[in-house]
PDB file of N, CA and C in Angstrom:
ATOM      1  N   MET A   1       0.845  -1.179   0.000  1.00  0.00           N
ATOM      2  CA  MET A   1       0.000   0.000   0.000  1.00  0.00           C
ATOM      3  C   MET A   1       0.886   1.237   0.000  1.00  0.00           C
ATOM      4  N   ALA A   2       0.471   2.223  -0.736  1.00  0.00           N
ATOM      5  CA  ALA A   2       1.237   3.464  -0.818  1.00  0.00           C
ATOM      6  C   ALA A   2       1.160   4.209   0.505  1.00  0.00           C
ATOM      7  N   LYS A   3       2.249   4.897   0.828  1.00  0.00           N
ATOM      8  CA  LYS A   3       2.247   5.643   2.080  1.00  0.00           C
ATOM      9  C   LYS A   3       1.375   6.882   1.936  1.00  0.00           C
ATOM     10  N   ALA A   4       0.705   7.214   3.007  1.00  0.00           N
ATOM     11  CA  ALA A   4      -0.187   8.363   3.001  1.00  0.00           C
ATOM     12  C   ALA A   4       0.600   9.615   3.352  1.00  0.00           C
ATOM     13  N   TYR A   5       0.381  10.653   2.590  1.00  0.00           N
ATOM     14  CA  TYR A   5       1.011  11.934   2.869  1.00  0.00           C
ATOM     15  C   TYR A   5       0.033  12.799   3.658  1.00  0.00           C
ATOM     16  N   PRO A   6       0.535  13.621   4.565  1.00  0.00           N
ATOM     17  CA  PRO A   6      -0.358  14.514   5.319  1.00  0.00           C
ATOM     18  C   PRO A   6      -1.082  15.481   4.379  1.00  0.00           C
ATOM     19  N   THR A   7      -2.281  15.849   4.750  1.00  0.00           N
ATOM     20  CA  THR A   7      -3.095  16.749   3.936  1.00  0.00           C
ATOM     21  C   THR A   7      -2.395  18.084   3.723  1.00  0.00           C
ATOM     22  N   GLU A   8      -1.744  18.586   4.758  1.00  0.00           N
ATOM     23  CA  GLU A   8      -1.059  19.874   4.633  1.00  0.00           C
ATOM     24  C   GLU A   8       0.042  19.801   3.572  1.00  0.00           C
ATOM     25  N   PHE A   9       0.751  18.676   3.551  1.00  0.00           N
ATOM     26  CA  PHE A   9       1.814  18.486   2.561  1.00  0.00           C
ATOM     27  C   PHE A   9       1.232  18.482   1.156  1.00  0.00           C
ATOM     28  N   ARG A  10       0.137  17.736   0.970  1.00  0.00           N
ATOM     29  CA  ARG A  10      -0.502  17.679  -0.346  1.00  0.00           C
ATOM     30  C   ARG A  10      -0.946  19.061  -0.792  1.00  0.00           C
ATOM     31  N   ASP A  11      -1.576  19.797   0.131  1.00  0.00           N
ATOM     32  CA  ASP A  11      -2.052  21.136  -0.210  1.00  0.00           C
ATOM     33  C   ASP A  11      -0.897  22.059  -0.598  1.00  0.00           C
ATOM     34  N   ASP A  12       0.221  21.953   0.117  1.00  0.00           N
ATOM     35  CA  ASP A  12       1.386  22.786  -0.202  1.00  0.00           C
ATOM     36  C   ASP A  12       1.943  22.452  -1.583  1.00  0.00           C
ATOM     37  N   VAL A  13       2.054  21.175  -1.883  1.00  0.00           N
ATOM     38  CA  VAL A  13       2.595  20.756  -3.182  1.00  0.00           C
ATOM     39  C   VAL A  13       1.671  21.223  -4.307  1.00  0.00           C
ATOM     40  N   VAL A  14       0.367  21.080  -4.123  1.00  0.00           N
ATOM     41  CA  VAL A  14      -0.594  21.511  -5.146  1.00  0.00           C
ATOM     42  C   VAL A  14      -0.500  23.027  -5.320  1.00  0.00           C
ATOM     43  N   ARG A  15      -0.382  23.752  -4.222  1.00  0.00           N
ATOM     44  CA  ARG A  15      -0.268  25.208  -4.297  1.00  0.00           C
ATOM     45  C   ARG A  15       0.970  25.615  -5.110  1.00  0.00           C
ATOM     46  N   VAL A  16       2.092  24.950  -4.860  1.00  0.00           N
ATOM     47  CA  VAL A  16       3.316  25.235  -5.609  1.00  0.00           C
ATOM     48  C   VAL A  16       3.120  24.901  -7.087  1.00  0.00           C
ATOM     49  N   ALA A  17       2.482  23.777  -7.377  1.00  0.00           N
ATOM     50  CA  ALA A  17       2.270  23.368  -8.772  1.00  0.00           C
ATOM     51  C   ALA A  17       1.343  24.341  -9.495  1.00  0.00           C
ATOM     52  N   ARG A  18       0.382  24.891  -8.798  1.00  0.00           N
ATOM     53  CA  ARG A  18      -0.565  25.832  -9.406  1.00  0.00           C
ATOM     54  C   ARG A  18       0.099  27.160  -9.795  1.00  0.00           C
ATOM     55  N   LYS A  19       1.212  27.482  -9.173  1.00  0.00           N
ATOM     56  CA  LYS A  19       1.912  28.738  -9.494  1.00  0.00           C
ATOM     57  C   LYS A  19       2.591  28.678 -10.861  1.00  0.00           C
ATOM     58  N   HIS A  20       2.806  27.492 -11.401  1.00  0.00           N
ATOM     59  CA  HIS A  20       3.424  27.280 -12.712  1.00  0.00           C
ATOM     60  C   HIS A  20       4.816  27.907 -12.800  1.00  0.00           C
ATOM     61  N   GLU A  21       5.550  27.884 -11.700  1.00  0.00           N
ATOM     62  CA  GLU A  21       6.903  28.442 -11.706  1.00  0.00           C
ATOM     63  C   GLU A  21       7.943  27.422 -12.168  1.00  0.00           C
ATOM     64  N   ALA A  22       7.556  26.154 -12.158  1.00  0.00           N
ATOM     65  CA  ALA A  22       8.465  25.089 -12.584  1.00  0.00           C
ATOM     66  C   ALA A  22       7.624  23.987 -13.224  1.00  0.00           C
ATOM     67  N   PRO A  23       8.250  23.158 -14.050  1.00  0.00           N
ATOM     68  CA  PRO A  23       7.512  22.038 -14.658  1.00  0.00           C
ATOM     69  C   PRO A  23       7.049  21.038 -13.587  1.00  0.00           C
ATOM     70  N   ILE A  24       5.984  20.338 -13.903  1.00  0.00           N
ATOM     71  CA  ILE A  24       5.402  19.362 -12.973  1.00  0.00           C
ATOM     72  C   ILE A  24       6.430  18.319 -12.560  1.00  0.00           C
ATOM     73  N   ASN A  25       7.206  17.825 -13.515  1.00  0.00           N
ATOM     74  CA  ASN A  25       8.168  16.771 -13.168  1.00  0.00           C
ATOM     75  C   ASN A  25       9.245  17.290 -12.211  1.00  0.00           C
ATOM     76  N   GLN A  26       9.621  18.559 -12.330  1.00  0.00           N
ATOM     77  CA  GLN A  26      10.615  19.129 -11.423  1.00  0.00           C
ATOM     78  C   GLN A  26      10.030  19.322 -10.021  1.00  0.00           C
ATOM     79  N   ILE A  27       8.791  19.742  -9.949  1.00  0.00           N
ATOM     80  CA  ILE A  27       8.130  19.917  -8.640  1.00  0.00           C
ATOM     81  C   ILE A  27       8.020  18.566  -7.945  1.00  0.00           C
ATOM     82  N   ALA A  28       7.634  17.551  -8.700  1.00  0.00           N
ATOM     83  CA  ALA A  28       7.520  16.204  -8.130  1.00  0.00           C
ATOM     84  C   ALA A  28       8.875  15.729  -7.601  1.00  0.00           C
ATOM     85  N   LYS A  29       9.930  15.966  -8.357  1.00  0.00           N
ATOM     86  CA  LYS A  29      11.273  15.576  -7.909  1.00  0.00           C
ATOM     87  C   LYS A  29      11.676  16.323  -6.649  1.00  0.00           C
ATOM     88  N   ASP A  30      11.387  17.624  -6.615  1.00  0.00           N
ATOM     89  CA  ASP A  30      11.765  18.453  -5.470  1.00  0.00           C
ATOM     90  C   ASP A  30      11.088  17.994  -4.176  1.00  0.00           C
ATOM     91  N   PHE A  31       9.864  17.514  -4.289  1.00  0.00           N
ATOM     92  CA  PHE A  31       9.118  17.081  -3.107  1.00  0.00           C
ATOM     93  C   PHE A  31       9.209  15.569  -2.875  1.00  0.00           C
ATOM     94  N   TRP A  32      10.004  14.885  -3.668  1.00  0.00           N
ATOM     95  CA  TRP A  32      10.221  13.437  -3.535  1.00  0.00           C
ATOM     96  C   TRP A  32       8.924  12.641  -3.674  1.00  0.00           C
ATOM     97  N   ILE A  33       8.118  13.007  -4.648  1.00  0.00           N
ATOM     98  CA  ILE A  33       6.907  12.247  -4.951  1.00  0.00           C
ATOM     99  C   ILE A  33       6.941  11.913  -6.439  1.00  0.00           C
ATOM    100  N   SER A  34       6.113  10.968  -6.836  1.00  0.00           N
ATOM    101  CA  SER A  34       6.076  10.617  -8.253  1.00  0.00           C
ATOM    102  C   SER A  34       5.244  11.652  -9.009  1.00  0.00           C
ATOM    103  N   GLU A  35       5.526  11.741 -10.289  1.00  0.00           N
ATOM    104  CA  GLU A  35       4.791  12.678 -11.135  1.00  0.00           C
ATOM    105  C   GLU A  35       3.313  12.283 -11.219  1.00  0.00           C
ATOM    106  N   ALA A  36       3.047  10.987 -11.262  1.00  0.00           N
ATOM    107  CA  ALA A  36       1.662  10.505 -11.319  1.00  0.00           C
ATOM    108  C   ALA A  36       0.899  10.898 -10.051  1.00  0.00           C
ATOM    109  N   THR A  37       1.577  10.826  -8.907  1.00  0.00           N
ATOM    110  CA  THR A  37       0.938  11.213  -7.655  1.00  0.00           C
ATOM    111  C   THR A  37       0.551  12.685  -7.695  1.00  0.00           C
ATOM    112  N   LEU A  38       1.452  13.516  -8.178  1.00  0.00           N
ATOM    113  CA  LEU A  38       1.164  14.941  -8.268  1.00  0.00           C
ATOM    114  C   LEU A  38       0.004  15.205  -9.220  1.00  0.00           C
ATOM    115  N   HIS A  39      -0.033  14.515 -10.349  1.00  0.00           N
ATOM    116  CA  HIS A  39      -1.154  14.678 -11.280  1.00  0.00           C
ATOM    117  C   HIS A  39      -2.471  14.272 -10.613  1.00  0.00           C
ATOM    118  N   ASN A  40      -2.451  13.173  -9.854  1.00  0.00           N
ATOM    119  CA  ASN A  40      -3.663  12.742  -9.154  1.00  0.00           C
ATOM    120  C   ASN A  40      -4.112  13.786  -8.136  1.00  0.00           C
ATOM    121  N   TRP A  41      -3.159  14.349  -7.406  1.00  0.00           N
ATOM    122  CA  TRP A  41      -3.497  15.379  -6.419  1.00  0.00           C
ATOM    123  C   TRP A  41      -4.074  16.617  -7.095  1.00  0.00           C
ATOM    124  N   LEU A  42      -3.531  16.986  -8.247  1.00  0.00           N
ATOM    125  CA  LEU A  42      -4.049  18.143  -8.976  1.00  0.00           C
ATOM    126  C   LEU A  42      -5.476  17.889  -9.467  1.00  0.00           C
ATOM    127  N   LYS A  43      -5.718  16.677  -9.981  1.00  0.00           N
ATOM    128  CA  LYS A  43      -7.074  16.327 -10.427  1.00  0.00           C
ATOM    129  C   LYS A  43      -8.053  16.365  -9.253  1.00  0.00           C
ATOM    130  N   LYS A  44      -7.643  15.778  -8.131  1.00  0.00           N
ATOM    131  CA  LYS A  44      -8.501  15.744  -6.946  1.00  0.00           C
ATOM    132  C   LYS A  44      -8.783  17.161  -6.450  1.00  0.00           C
ATOM    133  N   SER A  45      -7.777  18.011  -6.511  1.00  0.00           N
ATOM    134  CA  SER A  45      -7.949  19.399  -6.103  1.00  0.00           C
ATOM    135  C   SER A  45      -8.933  20.121  -7.020  1.00  0.00           C
ATOM    136  N   ASP A  46      -8.855  19.847  -8.309  1.00  0.00           N
ATOM    137  CA  ASP A  46      -9.799  20.441  -9.258  1.00  0.00           C
ATOM    138  C   ASP A  46     -11.231  20.021  -8.957  1.00  0.00           C
ATOM    139  N   VAL A  47     -11.425  18.756  -8.619  1.00  0.00           N
ATOM    140  CA  VAL A  47     -12.761  18.261  -8.285  1.00  0.00           C
ATOM    141  C   VAL A  47     -13.256  18.915  -7.006  1.00  0.00           C
ATOM    142  N   GLU A  48     -12.396  19.018  -6.002  1.00  0.00           N
ATOM    143  CA  GLU A  48     -12.779  19.642  -4.740  1.00  0.00           C
ATOM    144  C   GLU A  48     -13.142  21.117  -4.930  1.00  0.00           C
ATOM    145  N   ASP A  49     -12.426  21.793  -5.835  1.00  0.00           N
ATOM    146  CA  ASP A  49     -12.676  23.217  -6.091  1.00  0.00           C
ATOM    147  C   ASP A  49     -13.857  23.444  -7.022  1.00  0.00           C
ATOM    148  N   GLY A  50     -14.361  22.377  -7.646  1.00  0.00           N
ATOM    149  CA  GLY A  50     -15.491  22.495  -8.559  1.00  0.00           C
ATOM    150  C   GLY A  50     -15.092  22.821  -9.987  1.00  0.00           C
ATOM    151  N   ALA A  51     -13.806  22.825 -10.277  1.00  0.00           N
ATOM    152  CA  ALA A  51     -13.345  23.138 -11.625  1.00  0.00           C
ATOM    153  C   ALA A  51     -13.465  21.941 -12.563  1.00  0.00           C
ATOM    154  N   ARG A  52     -13.654  20.767 -12.009  1.00  0.00           N
ATOM    155  CA  ARG A  52     -13.735  19.537 -12.791  1.00  0.00           C
ATOM    156  C   ARG A  52     -14.909  18.721 -12.241  1.00  0.00           C
ATOM    157  N   PRO A  53     -15.679  18.070 -13.118  1.00  0.00           N
ATOM    158  CA  PRO A  53     -16.805  17.276 -12.623  1.00  0.00           C
ATOM    159  C   PRO A  53     -16.324  16.049 -11.845  1.00  0.00           C
ATOM    160  N   GLY A  54     -17.110  15.673 -10.861  1.00  0.00           N
ATOM    161  CA  GLY A  54     -16.784  14.495 -10.062  1.00  0.00           C
ATOM    162  C   GLY A  54     -17.291  14.665  -8.648  1.00  0.00           C
ATOM    163  N   LEU A  55     -17.071  13.647  -7.838  1.00  0.00           N
ATOM    164  CA  LEU A  55     -17.518  13.676  -6.445  1.00  0.00           C
ATOM    165  C   LEU A  55     -16.407  14.200  -5.554  1.00  0.00           C
ATOM    166  N   ASN A  56     -16.745  15.162  -4.699  1.00  0.00           N
ATOM    167  CA  ASN A  56     -15.744  15.628  -3.746  1.00  0.00           C
ATOM    168  C   ASN A  56     -15.708  14.674  -2.557  1.00  0.00           C
ATOM    169  N   GLU A  57     -14.824  14.932  -1.620  1.00  0.00           N
ATOM    170  CA  GLU A  57     -14.594  13.989  -0.514  1.00  0.00           C
ATOM    171  C   GLU A  57     -15.846  13.762   0.325  1.00  0.00           C
ATOM    172  N   SER A  58     -16.599  14.823   0.625  1.00  0.00           N
ATOM    173  CA  SER A  58     -17.797  14.647   1.442  1.00  0.00           C
ATOM    174  C   SER A  58     -18.858  13.827   0.706  1.00  0.00           C
ATOM    175  N   GLU A  59     -18.985  14.046  -0.595  1.00  0.00           N
ATOM    176  CA  GLU A  59     -19.948  13.268  -1.380  1.00  0.00           C
ATOM    177  C   GLU A  59     -19.528  11.803  -1.460  1.00  0.00           C
ATOM    178  N   ARG A  60     -18.209  11.561  -1.590  1.00  0.00           N
ATOM    179  CA  ARG A  60     -17.721  10.172  -1.632  1.00  0.00           C
ATOM    180  C   ARG A  60     -17.987   9.464  -0.315  1.00  0.00           C
ATOM    181  N   SER A  61     -17.754  10.141   0.801  1.00  0.00           N
ATOM    182  CA  SER A  61     -17.978   9.499   2.095  1.00  0.00           C
ATOM    183  C   SER A  61     -19.469   9.252   2.321  1.00  0.00           C
ATOM    184  N   GLU A  62     -20.309  10.190   1.877  1.00  0.00           N
ATOM    185  CA  GLU A  62     -21.752   9.991   1.995  1.00  0.00           C
ATOM    186  C   GLU A  62     -22.203   8.815   1.130  1.00  0.00           C
ATOM    187  N   LEU A  63     -21.659   8.706  -0.073  1.00  0.00           N
ATOM    188  CA  LEU A  63     -22.005   7.591  -0.960  1.00  0.00           C
ATOM    189  C   LEU A  63     -21.583   6.256  -0.356  1.00  0.00           C
ATOM    190  N   ARG A  64     -20.375   6.217   0.244  1.00  0.00           N
ATOM    191  CA  ARG A  64     -19.920   4.985   0.909  1.00  0.00           C
ATOM    192  C   ARG A  64     -20.874   4.595   2.038  1.00  0.00           C
ATOM    193  N   ALA A  65     -21.284   5.579   2.842  1.00  0.00           N
ATOM    194  CA  ALA A  65     -22.192   5.300   3.958  1.00  0.00           C
ATOM    195  C   ALA A  65     -23.543   4.803   3.449  1.00  0.00           C
ATOM    196  N   LEU A  66     -24.036   5.413   2.395  1.00  0.00           N
ATOM    197  CA  LEU A  66     -25.327   4.990   1.841  1.00  0.00           C
ATOM    198  C   LEU A  66     -25.256   3.583   1.252  1.00  0.00           C
ATOM    199  N   LYS A  67     -24.156   3.268   0.581  1.00  0.00           N
ATOM    200  CA  LYS A  67     -23.996   1.912   0.037  1.00  0.00           C
ATOM    201  C   LYS A  67     -23.920   0.887   1.159  1.00  0.00           C
ATOM    202  N   LYS A  68     -23.231   1.225   2.230  1.00  0.00           N
ATOM    203  CA  LYS A  68     -23.130   0.318   3.375  1.00  0.00           C
ATOM    204  C   LYS A  68     -24.506   0.095   3.994  1.00  0.00           C
ATOM    205  N   ARG A  69     -25.274   1.176   4.144  1.00  0.00           N
ATOM    206  CA  ARG A  69     -26.621   1.081   4.719  1.00  0.00           C
ATOM    207  C   ARG A  69     -27.530   0.248   3.810  1.00  0.00           C
ATOM    208  N   THR A  70     -27.422   0.448   2.504  1.00  0.00           N
ATOM    209  CA  THR A  70     -28.228  -0.316   1.549  1.00  0.00           C
ATOM    210  C   THR A  70     -27.903  -1.802   1.638  1.00  0.00           C
ATOM    211  N   ARG A  71     -26.611  -2.126   1.725  1.00  0.00           N
ATOM    212  CA  ARG A  71     -26.202  -3.526   1.831  1.00  0.00           C
ATOM    213  C   ARG A  71     -26.770  -4.155   3.105  1.00  0.00           C
ATOM    214  N   LEU A  72     -26.740  -3.414   4.211  1.00  0.00           N
ATOM    215  CA  LEU A  72     -27.286  -3.924   5.467  1.00  0.00           C
ATOM    216  C   LEU A  72     -28.792  -4.154   5.362  1.00  0.00           C
ATOM    217  N   LEU A  73     -29.503  -3.208   4.776  1.00  0.00           N
ATOM    218  CA  LEU A  73     -30.951  -3.349   4.623  1.00  0.00           C
ATOM    219  C   LEU A  73     -31.308  -4.516   3.701  1.00  0.00           C
ATOM    220  N   GLU A  74     -30.522  -4.727   2.658  1.00  0.00           N
ATOM    221  CA  GLU A  74     -30.772  -5.865   1.770  1.00  0.00           C
ATOM    222  C   GLU A  74     -30.557  -7.183   2.499  1.00  0.00           C
ATOM    223  N   GLN A  75     -29.539  -7.239   3.368  1.00  0.00           N
ATOM    224  CA  GLN A  75     -29.303  -8.453   4.154  1.00  0.00           C
ATOM    225  C   GLN A  75     -30.457  -8.700   5.121  1.00  0.00           C
ATOM    226  N   GLU A  76     -30.922  -7.641   5.775  1.00  0.00           N
ATOM    227  CA  GLU A  76     -32.053  -7.788   6.702  1.00  0.00           C
ATOM    228  C   GLU A  76     -33.304  -8.231   5.955  1.00  0.00           C
ATOM    229  N   ASN A  77     -33.523  -7.673   4.789  1.00  0.00           N
ATOM    230  CA  ASN A  77     -34.682  -8.038   3.983  1.00  0.00           C
ATOM    231  C   ASN A  77     -34.611  -9.504   3.577  1.00  0.00           C
ATOM    232  N   GLU A  78     -33.432  -9.975   3.205  1.00  0.00           N
ATOM    233  CA  GLU A  78     -33.259 -11.369   2.820  1.00  0.00           C
ATOM    234  C   GLU A  78     -33.544 -12.298   4.004  1.00  0.00           C
ATOM    235  N   ILE A  79     -33.090 -11.923   5.185  1.00  0.00           N
ATOM    236  CA  ILE A  79     -33.348 -12.733   6.382  1.00  0.00           C
ATOM    237  C   ILE A  79     -34.841 -12.805   6.655  1.00  0.00           C
ATOM    238  N   LEU A  80     -35.521 -11.666   6.568  1.00  0.00           N
ATOM    239  CA  LEU A  80     -36.972 -11.652   6.807  1.00  0.00           C
ATOM    240  C   LEU A  80     -37.720 -12.451   5.743  1.00  0.00           C
ATOM    241  N   ARG A  81     -37.277 -12.377   4.498  1.00  0.00           N
ATOM    242  CA  ARG A  81     -37.917 -13.138   3.427  1.00  0.00           C
ATOM    243  C   ARG A  81     -37.788 -14.635   3.678  1.00  0.00           C
ATOM    244  N   ARG A  82     -36.583 -15.063   4.082  1.00  0.00           N
ATOM    245  CA  ARG A  82     -36.376 -16.490   4.365  1.00  0.00           C
ATOM    246  C   ARG A  82     -37.169 -16.952   5.578  1.00  0.00           C
ATOM    247  N   ALA A  83     -37.288 -16.072   6.579  1.00  0.00           N
ATOM    248  CA  ALA A  83     -38.075 -16.418   7.765  1.00  0.00           C
ATOM    249  C   ALA A  83     -39.550 -16.556   7.409  1.00  0.00           C
ATOM    250  N   ALA A  84     -40.037 -15.663   6.559  1.00  0.00           N
ATOM    251  CA  ALA A  84     -41.444 -15.741   6.139  1.00  0.00           C
ATOM    252  C   ALA A  84     -41.701 -17.023   5.378  1.00  0.00           C
ATOM    253  N   ILE A  85     -40.797 -17.451   4.534  1.00  0.00           N
ATOM    254  CA  ILE A  85     -40.951 -18.701   3.784  1.00  0.00           C
ATOM    255  C   ILE A  85     -40.921 -19.877   4.747  1.00  0.00           C
ATOM    256  N   TYR A  86     -40.023 -19.835   5.729  1.00  0.00           N
ATOM    257  CA  TYR A  86     -39.875 -20.928   6.693  1.00  0.00           C
ATOM    258  C   TYR A  86     -41.139 -21.091   7.531  1.00  0.00           C
ATOM    259  N   PHE A  87     -41.740 -19.984   7.976  1.00  0.00           N
ATOM    260  CA  PHE A  87     -42.906 -20.066   8.860  1.00  0.00           C
ATOM    261  C   PHE A  87     -44.204 -20.184   8.100  1.00  0.00           C
ATOM    262  N   ALA A  88     -44.187 -20.065   6.776  1.00  0.00           N
ATOM    263  CA  ALA A  88     -45.424 -20.116   6.009  1.00  0.00           C
ATOM    264  C   ALA A  88     -45.915 -21.527   5.814  1.00  0.00           C
TER     265      ALA A  88
END
């Protein structure tokens, strides 16, 4: 699993990249991260800022919670359906 970088670090790197003072590959080298990681952070930042379509972090967490709740309700429904068949 990839190591997690602190949010403050990510925000600082994205801020530096947004200034366009150096090429992306040089910024990535300077901060000891891969170029792909920096591109992913820039894309995620665009989504969070609303400049690019997609789900922001709060929407993703809400979607995860709703999917988990749906899965639980489907399991409960299946148990009740089987119980109704058993007692019928």
